[in-house]
N, C-alpha and C. Protein backbone atom coordinates (compact mmCIF):
# COMPACT_ATOMS: atom_id res chain seq x y z
N MET A 1 0.84 -1.41 0.15
CA MET A 1 0.01 0.11 -0.37
C MET A 1 1.05 1.20 0.16
N GLU A 2 0.64 2.65 -0.61
CA GLU A 2 1.37 3.54 -0.57
C GLU A 2 1.49 4.49 0.52
N GLN A 3 1.84 5.13 0.71
CA GLN A 3 2.13 5.80 2.15
C GLN A 3 1.18 6.57 2.20
N VAL A 4 0.26 6.74 3.62
CA VAL A 4 -0.60 7.77 3.94
C VAL A 4 -0.28 8.51 4.70
N THR A 5 -1.14 9.58 4.43
CA THR A 5 -0.90 11.20 4.91
C THR A 5 -1.86 11.28 5.82
N ILE A 6 -2.03 11.51 7.02
CA ILE A 6 -2.46 11.89 8.32
C ILE A 6 -2.25 13.97 8.63
N TYR A 7 -3.58 14.15 8.27
CA TYR A 7 -3.59 15.66 8.93
C TYR A 7 -4.76 15.92 9.68
N GLY A 8 -3.90 16.20 11.00
CA GLY A 8 -5.29 16.43 12.11
C GLY A 8 -3.89 16.77 13.26
N ARG A 9 -4.69 16.79 14.76
CA ARG A 9 -4.06 17.27 15.81
C ARG A 9 -3.92 15.75 16.35
N SER A 10 -3.06 15.87 17.37
CA SER A 10 -2.13 14.76 18.79
C SER A 10 -3.83 14.98 19.74
N SER A 11 -4.91 16.37 20.01
CA SER A 11 -5.30 15.95 20.93
C SER A 11 -7.36 15.53 20.30
N CYS A 12 -6.85 15.24 19.29
CA CYS A 12 -8.20 14.13 18.64
C CYS A 12 -8.33 12.83 18.56
N GLY A 13 -9.09 12.24 19.12
CA GLY A 13 -9.04 10.94 19.13
C GLY A 13 -9.03 10.14 18.00
N PHE A 14 -9.95 10.66 17.26
CA PHE A 14 -10.06 9.81 15.35
C PHE A 14 -8.59 9.68 14.89
N CYS A 15 -8.00 11.02 15.11
CA CYS A 15 -6.83 11.56 14.22
C CYS A 15 -5.92 10.37 15.32
N VAL A 16 -5.51 10.10 16.11
CA VAL A 16 -5.05 9.29 16.96
C VAL A 16 -5.34 7.46 16.55
N GLN A 17 -6.51 7.09 16.40
CA GLN A 17 -7.05 5.95 16.24
C GLN A 17 -6.42 6.35 14.57
N ALA A 18 -6.82 6.53 13.51
CA ALA A 18 -5.94 6.67 12.18
C ALA A 18 -4.47 6.20 12.35
N LYS A 19 -3.47 6.60 13.17
CA LYS A 19 -2.77 6.83 13.28
C LYS A 19 -2.43 5.29 13.84
N ARG A 20 -2.84 4.98 14.37
CA ARG A 20 -2.93 3.78 15.69
C ARG A 20 -3.21 2.24 14.48
N LEU A 21 -4.26 2.40 13.73
CA LEU A 21 -4.94 1.49 12.89
C LEU A 21 -3.56 1.43 11.56
N CYS A 22 -2.49 2.72 10.84
CA CYS A 22 -1.41 2.45 10.16
C CYS A 22 -0.56 1.65 11.09
N GLU A 23 0.17 1.86 12.18
CA GLU A 23 0.58 0.93 12.80
C GLU A 23 0.21 -0.10 13.10
N ALA A 24 -0.37 -0.73 13.85
CA ALA A 24 -0.59 -1.75 13.75
C ALA A 24 -1.43 -2.91 12.55
N ARG A 25 -1.40 -2.40 11.08
CA ARG A 25 -1.08 -3.20 10.19
C ARG A 25 0.36 -2.66 9.49
N ASP A 26 1.92 -2.19 10.07
CA ASP A 26 2.70 -1.87 9.85
C ASP A 26 2.01 -1.20 8.19
N ILE A 27 1.91 -0.17 7.76
CA ILE A 27 1.24 0.58 7.12
C ILE A 27 1.73 1.84 7.31
N PRO A 28 3.45 2.49 6.30
CA PRO A 28 4.25 4.33 6.05
C PRO A 28 2.74 4.76 5.91
N TYR A 29 3.25 5.69 7.22
CA TYR A 29 2.29 6.86 7.41
C TYR A 29 3.46 8.51 7.82
N VAL A 30 2.56 9.40 6.95
CA VAL A 30 3.45 10.51 7.89
C VAL A 30 2.05 11.34 8.22
N TRP A 31 2.91 11.64 9.64
CA TRP A 31 1.92 12.38 10.34
C TRP A 31 2.02 13.26 10.64
N VAL A 32 0.65 14.48 9.93
CA VAL A 32 1.34 16.14 9.60
C VAL A 32 0.46 16.74 10.59
N ASP A 33 1.15 17.49 12.53
CA ASP A 33 0.05 17.70 13.37
C ASP A 33 -0.39 19.06 13.04
N MET A 34 -1.50 19.14 12.28
CA MET A 34 -1.71 21.21 12.54
C MET A 34 -1.38 21.89 13.05
N ILE A 35 -1.27 21.94 14.38
CA ILE A 35 -0.62 22.74 15.31
C ILE A 35 0.12 22.91 15.41
N GLU A 36 1.17 21.96 15.92
CA GLU A 36 2.90 21.75 15.69
C GLU A 36 3.68 22.78 14.53
N LYS A 37 2.36 22.31 12.91
CA LYS A 37 3.06 23.22 11.46
C LYS A 37 1.88 24.20 11.63
N GLY A 38 1.72 24.60 12.51
CA GLY A 38 0.91 26.11 13.01
C GLY A 38 -0.14 25.96 11.51
N MET A 39 -1.13 25.36 11.60
CA MET A 39 -1.96 24.55 9.97
C MET A 39 -3.27 24.84 10.27
N SER A 40 -3.91 25.89 9.61
CA SER A 40 -5.50 25.69 9.63
C SER A 40 -5.92 25.33 8.67
N LYS A 41 -7.27 24.82 9.15
CA LYS A 41 -8.04 23.96 7.99
C LYS A 41 -8.29 24.05 6.23
N GLN A 42 -7.94 25.62 6.35
CA GLN A 42 -7.96 25.91 5.32
C GLN A 42 -6.89 25.68 4.08
N ASP A 43 -5.82 26.04 5.24
CA ASP A 43 -4.38 25.34 4.42
C ASP A 43 -4.05 24.17 4.45
N ILE A 44 -5.07 23.49 4.79
CA ILE A 44 -4.98 21.82 4.74
C ILE A 44 -5.97 21.46 3.64
N ALA A 45 -6.73 22.32 2.86
CA ALA A 45 -8.40 22.56 2.53
C ALA A 45 -7.22 22.68 0.92
N GLU A 46 -6.08 23.86 0.58
CA GLU A 46 -5.25 24.02 -0.20
C GLU A 46 -4.22 22.79 -0.73
N LYS A 47 -4.32 22.12 0.71
CA LYS A 47 -3.40 20.83 -0.60
C LYS A 47 -3.93 19.59 -0.99
N ILE A 48 -4.85 19.85 0.06
CA ILE A 48 -5.88 17.90 -0.60
C ILE A 48 -6.80 19.30 -1.85
N GLY A 49 -7.12 20.01 -1.63
CA GLY A 49 -8.21 20.23 -3.07
C GLY A 49 -9.49 20.22 -2.89
N ARG A 50 -10.28 20.97 -1.59
CA ARG A 50 -11.33 20.26 -1.33
C ARG A 50 -11.49 21.25 -0.04
N PRO A 51 -12.77 21.28 0.61
CA PRO A 51 -13.31 21.92 1.58
C PRO A 51 -12.82 21.17 3.54
N VAL A 52 -12.15 21.45 4.37
CA VAL A 52 -11.99 20.60 5.46
C VAL A 52 -12.92 21.74 6.45
N TYR A 53 -13.69 20.91 7.25
CA TYR A 53 -14.56 20.71 8.16
C TYR A 53 -14.09 20.61 9.33
N THR A 54 -13.29 19.19 9.60
CA THR A 54 -13.33 18.06 9.98
C THR A 54 -11.86 17.81 10.58
N VAL A 55 -11.24 17.42 11.13
CA VAL A 55 -9.77 16.47 11.62
C VAL A 55 -10.28 14.82 11.89
N PRO A 56 -9.58 13.91 11.05
CA PRO A 56 -8.52 14.21 10.65
C PRO A 56 -8.37 14.02 8.90
N GLN A 57 -7.61 14.60 8.01
CA GLN A 57 -8.04 13.95 6.55
C GLN A 57 -6.84 13.42 5.99
N ILE A 58 -6.99 11.96 5.54
CA ILE A 58 -6.19 10.62 4.88
C ILE A 58 -6.62 11.21 3.67
N LEU A 59 -4.90 11.22 3.25
CA LEU A 59 -4.91 10.31 1.90
C LEU A 59 -3.73 8.89 1.76
N VAL A 60 -4.47 8.41 0.71
CA VAL A 60 -3.36 7.40 0.60
C VAL A 60 -2.74 7.52 -0.85
N GLY A 61 -1.46 8.09 -0.77
CA GLY A 61 -0.55 8.52 -2.08
C GLY A 61 -1.29 9.62 -2.35
N ASN A 62 -1.54 9.72 -3.32
CA ASN A 62 -1.97 11.29 -3.94
C ASN A 62 -3.80 10.63 -3.88
N GLN A 63 -4.37 10.16 -3.35
CA GLN A 63 -5.68 9.64 -3.44
C GLN A 63 -6.26 9.89 -2.06
N TYR A 64 -7.22 11.20 -1.99
CA TYR A 64 -8.11 11.17 -0.89
C TYR A 64 -8.97 10.55 -0.46
N VAL A 65 -9.39 10.11 0.57
CA VAL A 65 -9.94 8.94 1.35
C VAL A 65 -10.95 9.91 1.92
N GLY A 66 -10.38 10.78 3.06
CA GLY A 66 -11.28 11.22 4.21
C GLY A 66 -11.27 11.30 5.33
N GLY A 67 -12.23 11.09 5.91
CA GLY A 67 -11.63 11.16 8.09
C GLY A 67 -11.21 10.02 7.84
N PHE A 68 -11.26 9.82 9.31
CA PHE A 68 -11.24 8.14 9.84
C PHE A 68 -12.28 7.22 9.49
N ASP A 69 -13.59 7.12 9.47
CA ASP A 69 -14.48 6.38 9.26
C ASP A 69 -14.21 5.88 7.72
N GLN A 70 -13.66 6.97 7.12
CA GLN A 70 -13.79 6.73 5.60
C GLN A 70 -12.19 5.85 5.04
N PHE A 71 -11.60 5.90 6.30
CA PHE A 71 -9.99 5.43 5.67
C PHE A 71 -10.24 3.65 6.38
N TYR A 72 -11.08 4.02 7.35
CA TYR A 72 -11.37 2.37 7.77
C TYR A 72 -12.18 1.50 6.93
N ALA A 73 -13.35 2.20 6.47
CA ALA A 73 -13.77 1.40 5.13
C ALA A 73 -12.72 0.70 4.42
N TYR A 74 -11.91 2.40 3.75
CA TYR A 74 -10.78 2.04 3.22
C TYR A 74 -9.78 0.50 3.66
N MET A 75 -9.01 1.08 4.60
CA MET A 75 -8.69 -0.46 4.58
C MET A 75 -8.89 -1.52 4.88
N ARG A 76 -10.52 -1.94 5.07
CA ARG A 76 -11.04 -2.73 4.44
C ARG A 76 -10.97 -3.38 3.76
N ASP A 77 -11.56 -2.57 2.60
CA ASP A 77 -12.27 -2.81 1.43
C ASP A 77 -10.74 -2.98 0.00
N HIS A 78 -9.81 -2.68 1.08
CA HIS A 78 -8.01 -2.92 0.15
C HIS A 78 -7.61 -3.54 1.50
N GLN A 79 -8.09 -4.99 2.31
CA GLN A 79 -7.48 -5.98 3.19
C GLN A 79 -6.28 -7.17 2.04
N SER A 80 -6.55 -7.47 0.62
CA SER A 80 -5.87 -8.36 -0.02
C SER A 80 -4.73 -7.23 -0.27
N GLU A 81 -4.58 -6.29 -0.46
CA GLU A 81 -3.23 -5.44 -0.97
C GLU A 81 -2.67 -5.12 0.32
N LEU A 82 -2.99 -5.00 1.88
CA LEU A 82 -2.08 -4.99 2.74
C LEU A 82 -1.54 -6.52 3.04
N ALA A 83 -2.40 -7.88 2.57
CA ALA A 83 -1.87 -9.21 2.87
C ALA A 83 0.00 -8.63 2.39
N ARG A 84 -0.25 -8.68 1.21
CA ARG A 84 1.45 -8.86 0.72
C ARG A 84 2.65 -8.59 1.33
């Protein structure tokens, strides 16, 4: 699976769950803490090309997946790729 990019905040439970899901499945990921980086939701929106109302915002490679629920569903739907 391509590298996952997670935009979020350390204080966000769903953001932490997304990181843990990657770690549990040995999926390479980049964590972008919007507070540490001084990023706003608008900054993230400009990077991903769509409005941002919540975090996390997650990409697999260059493909936008969505928030945690969408990412979890994506992982479930792509289990065969993860088994390789």
